[in-house]
Amino acid sequence: MILKPREKIHVIHRRHFEKDLHRHFVGVVDWYDAGVARVTGNVYCVNGAKFKFVRRPETRTRLISVISGDLLVNIIPDSVNLDQVAYHQEARSVRVTDGSDWYLDLSEHAWM
């Protein structure tokens, strides 16, 4: 099985056009079967005025296809506190972190 229930994930939605929003999703896998995952968590979008990722406050449940080619799915360690996840820009890189020692460097996926 590619994804397991209760596994934490970070998802980057592929942009198809230059003006498409940068959309990310951070959450937990509820169920996975045949390339489709049911996930619950929060959406993060770029605030165009501040060029910062902002967490949408409402929790969402989504169905995502991990085999579609439209998503980059990163597995997050179980120790990560999803309620504390935030994006920080450092020099020419963007990092996702929960404030602990863990971080995910998104430099190759940033808007620079």
C-alpha atoms as a PDB file:
ATOM      1  CA  MET A   1       0.000   0.000   0.000  1.00  0.00           C
ATOM      2  CA  ILE A   2       1.417   3.388  -1.008  1.00  0.00           C
ATOM      3  CA  LEU A   3      -0.384   5.395   1.689  1.00  0.00           C
ATOM      4  CA  LYS A   4      -1.588   4.113   5.038  1.00  0.00           C
ATOM      5  CA  PRO A   5      -4.447   5.365   7.205  1.00  0.00           C
ATOM      6  CA  ARG A   6      -3.312   7.972   9.798  1.00  0.00           C
ATOM      7  CA  GLU A   7      -0.184   8.769   7.758  1.00  0.00           C
ATOM      8  CA  LYS A   8       0.556  12.516   7.557  1.00  0.00           C
ATOM      9  CA  ILE A   9       1.091  14.077   4.144  1.00  0.00           C
ATOM     10  CA  HIS A  10       2.009  17.361   2.468  1.00  0.00           C
ATOM     11  CA  VAL A  11       0.545  17.780  -1.028  1.00  0.00           C
ATOM     12  CA  ILE A  12       1.580  20.278  -3.695  1.00  0.00           C
ATOM     13  CA  HIS A  13      -0.987  20.844  -6.437  1.00  0.00           C
ATOM     14  CA  ARG A  14       0.635  21.248  -9.837  1.00  0.00           C
ATOM     15  CA  ARG A  15       0.046  24.604 -11.474  1.00  0.00           C
ATOM     16  CA  HIS A  16      -1.086  24.380 -15.090  1.00  0.00           C
ATOM     17  CA  PHE A  17      -0.866  28.095 -15.887  1.00  0.00           C
ATOM     18  CA  GLU A  18       1.431  30.874 -14.710  1.00  0.00           C
ATOM     19  CA  LYS A  19      -1.367  32.707 -12.901  1.00  0.00           C
ATOM     20  CA  ASP A  20      -2.726  29.609 -11.124  1.00  0.00           C
ATOM     21  CA  LEU A  21      -2.593  29.886  -7.354  1.00  0.00           C
ATOM     22  CA  HIS A  22       0.035  27.974  -5.402  1.00  0.00           C
ATOM     23  CA  ARG A  23      -2.095  25.461  -3.486  1.00  0.00           C
ATOM     24  CA  HIS A  24      -0.833  23.017  -0.887  1.00  0.00           C
ATOM     25  CA  PHE A  25      -2.620  20.635   1.444  1.00  0.00           C
ATOM     26  CA  VAL A  26      -1.405  19.298   4.799  1.00  0.00           C
ATOM     27  CA  GLY A  27      -3.345  16.558   6.498  1.00  0.00           C
ATOM     28  CA  VAL A  28      -3.891  12.938   7.416  1.00  0.00           C
ATOM     29  CA  VAL A  29      -4.819   9.976   5.240  1.00  0.00           C
ATOM     30  CA  ASP A  30      -8.219   8.600   6.253  1.00  0.00           C
ATOM     31  CA  TRP A  31      -8.318   5.861   3.629  1.00  0.00           C
ATOM     32  CA  TYR A  32      -6.391   4.782   0.534  1.00  0.00           C
ATOM     33  CA  ASP A  33      -7.398   2.437  -2.282  1.00  0.00           C
ATOM     34  CA  ALA A  34      -6.311   2.011  -5.899  1.00  0.00           C
ATOM     35  CA  GLY A  35      -4.493   5.333  -6.217  1.00  0.00           C
ATOM     36  CA  VAL A  36      -7.164   7.466  -4.533  1.00  0.00           C
ATOM     37  CA  ALA A  37      -6.806   8.800  -0.998  1.00  0.00           C
ATOM     38  CA  ARG A  38      -9.421  10.303   1.267  1.00  0.00           C
ATOM     39  CA  VAL A  39      -7.587  12.936   3.321  1.00  0.00           C
ATOM     40  CA  THR A  40      -8.551  15.424   6.027  1.00  0.00           C
ATOM     41  CA  GLY A  41      -6.594  18.578   6.778  1.00  0.00           C
ATOM     42  CA  ASN A  42      -6.017  22.180   5.739  1.00  0.00           C
ATOM     43  CA  VAL A  43      -5.374  24.029   2.500  1.00  0.00           C
ATOM     44  CA  TYR A  44      -2.510  26.528   2.245  1.00  0.00           C
ATOM     45  CA  CYS A  45      -2.580  29.192  -0.482  1.00  0.00           C
ATOM     46  CA  VAL A  46      -0.284  32.056  -1.379  1.00  0.00           C
ATOM     47  CA  ASN A  47      -1.482  35.497  -0.365  1.00  0.00           C
ATOM     48  CA  GLY A  48      -0.613  37.423  -3.538  1.00  0.00           C
ATOM     49  CA  ALA A  49      -0.231  40.752  -1.757  1.00  0.00           C
ATOM     50  CA  LYS A  50       2.291  39.443   0.771  1.00  0.00           C
ATOM     51  CA  PHE A  51       3.715  36.467  -1.188  1.00  0.00           C
ATOM     52  CA  LYS A  52       3.185  34.283   1.897  1.00  0.00           C
ATOM     53  CA  PHE A  53       1.500  30.915   2.339  1.00  0.00           C
ATOM     54  CA  VAL A  54      -1.627  31.269   4.467  1.00  0.00           C
ATOM     55  CA  ARG A  55      -3.517  28.422   6.120  1.00  0.00           C
ATOM     56  CA  ARG A  56      -7.249  28.349   5.443  1.00  0.00           C
ATOM     57  CA  PRO A  57      -8.938  27.966   8.850  1.00  0.00           C
ATOM     58  CA  GLU A  58     -11.544  25.369   7.927  1.00  0.00           C
ATOM     59  CA  THR A  59     -10.702  21.665   7.969  1.00  0.00           C
ATOM     60  CA  ARG A  60     -11.499  19.923   4.699  1.00  0.00           C
ATOM     61  CA  THR A  61     -11.938  16.335   3.625  1.00  0.00           C
ATOM     62  CA  ARG A  62     -10.861  15.673   0.048  1.00  0.00           C
ATOM     63  CA  LEU A  63     -10.400  12.846  -2.377  1.00  0.00           C
ATOM     64  CA  ILE A  64      -7.066  13.048  -4.170  1.00  0.00           C
ATOM     65  CA  SER A  65      -5.598  10.901  -6.903  1.00  0.00           C
ATOM     66  CA  VAL A  66      -1.966  10.217  -6.114  1.00  0.00           C
ATOM     67  CA  ILE A  67      -1.443   8.697  -9.568  1.00  0.00           C
ATOM     68  CA  SER A  68      -2.866  11.581 -11.617  1.00  0.00           C
ATOM     69  CA  GLY A  69       0.446  13.370 -12.147  1.00  0.00           C
ATOM     70  CA  ASP A  70      -1.100  16.612 -10.866  1.00  0.00           C
ATOM     71  CA  LEU A  71       0.168  16.251  -7.294  1.00  0.00           C
ATOM     72  CA  LEU A  72       3.461  15.945  -5.471  1.00  0.00           C
ATOM     73  CA  VAL A  73       2.865  14.012  -2.255  1.00  0.00           C
ATOM     74  CA  ASN A  74       5.373  14.146   0.601  1.00  0.00           C
ATOM     75  CA  ILE A  75       5.101  11.864   3.626  1.00  0.00           C
ATOM     76  CA  ILE A  76       5.453  13.790   6.888  1.00  0.00           C
ATOM     77  CA  PRO A  77       6.898  12.147  10.016  1.00  0.00           C
ATOM     78  CA  ASP A  78       4.359  11.055  12.603  1.00  0.00           C
ATOM     79  CA  SER A  79       5.942  13.368  15.192  1.00  0.00           C
ATOM     80  CA  VAL A  80       4.991  16.539  13.244  1.00  0.00           C
ATOM     81  CA  ASN A  81       2.266  18.673  14.868  1.00  0.00           C
ATOM     82  CA  LEU A  82      -0.045  19.534  11.954  1.00  0.00           C
ATOM     83  CA  ASP A  83      -1.718  22.338  13.930  1.00  0.00           C
ATOM     84  CA  GLN A  84       1.654  24.138  14.101  1.00  0.00           C
ATOM     85  CA  VAL A  85       2.660  23.776  10.426  1.00  0.00           C
ATOM     86  CA  ALA A  86       3.706  27.060   8.839  1.00  0.00           C
ATOM     87  CA  TYR A  87       5.710  28.244   5.836  1.00  0.00           C
ATOM     88  CA  HIS A  88       8.852  30.345   6.245  1.00  0.00           C
ATOM     89  CA  GLN A  89      10.910  31.991   3.553  1.00  0.00           C
ATOM     90  CA  GLU A  90      14.652  31.904   4.203  1.00  0.00           C
ATOM     91  CA  ALA A  91      16.881  33.629   1.652  1.00  0.00           C
ATOM     92  CA  ARG A  92      15.968  31.859  -1.621  1.00  0.00           C
ATOM     93  CA  SER A  93      14.190  28.873  -0.117  1.00  0.00           C
ATOM     94  CA  VAL A  94      10.781  28.117   1.342  1.00  0.00           C
ATOM     95  CA  ARG A  95      10.494  25.722   4.258  1.00  0.00           C
ATOM     96  CA  VAL A  96       7.496  24.038   5.823  1.00  0.00           C
ATOM     97  CA  THR A  97       7.948  23.367   9.526  1.00  0.00           C
ATOM     98  CA  ASP A  98       6.019  22.840  12.738  1.00  0.00           C
ATOM     99  CA  GLY A  99       8.626  24.689  14.779  1.00  0.00           C
ATOM    100  CA  SER A 100      10.478  21.520  15.779  1.00  0.00           C
ATOM    101  CA  ASP A 101      13.681  20.222  14.185  1.00  0.00           C
ATOM    102  CA  TRP A 102      11.639  18.895  11.235  1.00  0.00           C
ATOM    103  CA  TYR A 103      11.266  20.889   8.052  1.00  0.00           C
ATOM    104  CA  LEU A 104      10.502  20.267   4.393  1.00  0.00           C
ATOM    105  CA  ASP A 105      12.547  22.373   1.970  1.00  0.00           C
ATOM    106  CA  LEU A 106      10.394  23.397  -0.994  1.00  0.00           C
ATOM    107  CA  SER A 107      13.058  25.363  -2.893  1.00  0.00           C
ATOM    108  CA  GLU A 108      12.561  23.490  -6.134  1.00  0.00           C
ATOM    109  CA  HIS A 109       8.807  24.103  -5.928  1.00  0.00           C
ATOM    110  CA  ALA A 110       8.888  27.767  -4.878  1.00  0.00           C
ATOM    111  CA  TRP A 111       7.731  30.696  -7.005  1.00  0.00           C
ATOM    112  CA  MET A 112      11.183  32.202  -7.500  1.00  0.00           C
END
